[in-house]
Protein backbone atom coordinates (compact mmCIF):
# COMPACT_ATOMS: atom_id res chain seq x y z
CA MET A 1 0.45 20.32 19.24
CA SER A 2 -0.09 19.13 15.81
CA LYS A 3 -2.55 16.35 14.72
CA PRO A 4 0.25 13.39 13.73
CA MET A 5 1.93 14.32 17.03
CA LEU A 6 -1.57 13.83 18.74
CA ALA A 7 -2.47 11.26 16.56
CA GLY A 8 1.25 9.21 17.88
CA ILE A 9 0.18 9.71 21.45
CA VAL A 10 -3.33 8.75 21.57
CA GLY A 11 -2.29 5.91 19.46
CA VAL A 12 0.23 4.22 21.27
CA LEU A 13 -1.68 4.90 24.46
CA GLY A 14 -4.70 3.56 22.84
CA PHE A 15 -2.50 0.32 21.85
CA LEU A 16 -1.24 0.00 25.34
CA PHE A 17 -4.63 0.27 26.85
CA TYR A 18 -5.84 -2.29 24.10
CA VAL A 19 -3.16 -4.93 25.06
CA ALA A 20 -3.71 -4.43 28.71
CA ALA A 21 -7.11 -5.27 28.19
CA VAL A 22 -6.46 -8.56 25.89
CA ILE A 23 -4.23 -9.92 28.39
CA MET A 24 -6.76 -9.43 31.23
CA LEU A 25 -9.49 -10.96 28.92
CA ALA A 26 -7.24 -13.73 27.82
CA ASP A 27 -7.09 -15.25 31.55
CA TYR A 28 -10.90 -16.40 30.91
CA VAL A 29 -10.20 -17.66 27.56
CA LEU A 30 -6.78 -19.70 28.18
CA SER A 31 -9.06 -22.31 30.45
CA THR A 32 -11.43 -22.76 27.47
CA HIS A 33 -11.16 -25.28 24.45
CA TRP A 34 -8.37 -24.77 22.37
CA THR A 35 -10.53 -23.44 19.35
CA VAL A 36 -12.08 -20.72 21.79
CA GLU A 37 -8.50 -19.89 22.55
CA PHE A 38 -7.49 -19.49 18.69
CA VAL A 39 -10.52 -17.70 17.48
CA TYR A 40 -9.93 -14.93 20.40
CA PHE A 41 -6.03 -14.46 19.96
CA ALA A 42 -6.96 -14.00 15.99
CA LEU A 43 -9.52 -11.78 16.52
CA ALA A 44 -7.53 -10.12 19.33
CA GLY A 45 -4.31 -9.70 16.56
CA ILE A 46 -6.78 -8.20 13.84
CA VAL A 47 -9.32 -5.96 15.61
CA TRP A 48 -6.73 -3.14 16.61
CA VAL A 49 -6.20 -2.53 13.00
CA TRP A 50 -9.58 -0.64 12.54
CA PRO A 51 -9.21 2.14 14.97
CA ALA A 52 -5.42 2.53 13.98
CA LYS A 53 -6.52 3.12 10.41
CA ALA A 54 -9.38 5.70 11.61
CA LEU A 55 -6.46 7.07 13.97
CA ILE A 56 -4.09 7.48 10.70
CA ILE A 57 -6.67 8.64 8.20
CA TRP A 58 -7.94 11.40 10.49
CA ALA A 59 -4.05 12.72 11.17
CA ALA A 60 -3.33 12.82 7.89
CA ARG A 61 -6.32 15.30 7.00
């Protein structure tokens, strides 16, 4: 299996796991103040970029 194909599979599965974890944690955040919700969802929407970037760099080598 080539590195790009493996990276694609790992990337999709990792992203699905990340989304599931964010949704599960959101249940606890939704009952808090709106600013906490805003910060949580803003960070959750951005944090996935760094692991994805590392995976893409690894696959491109």
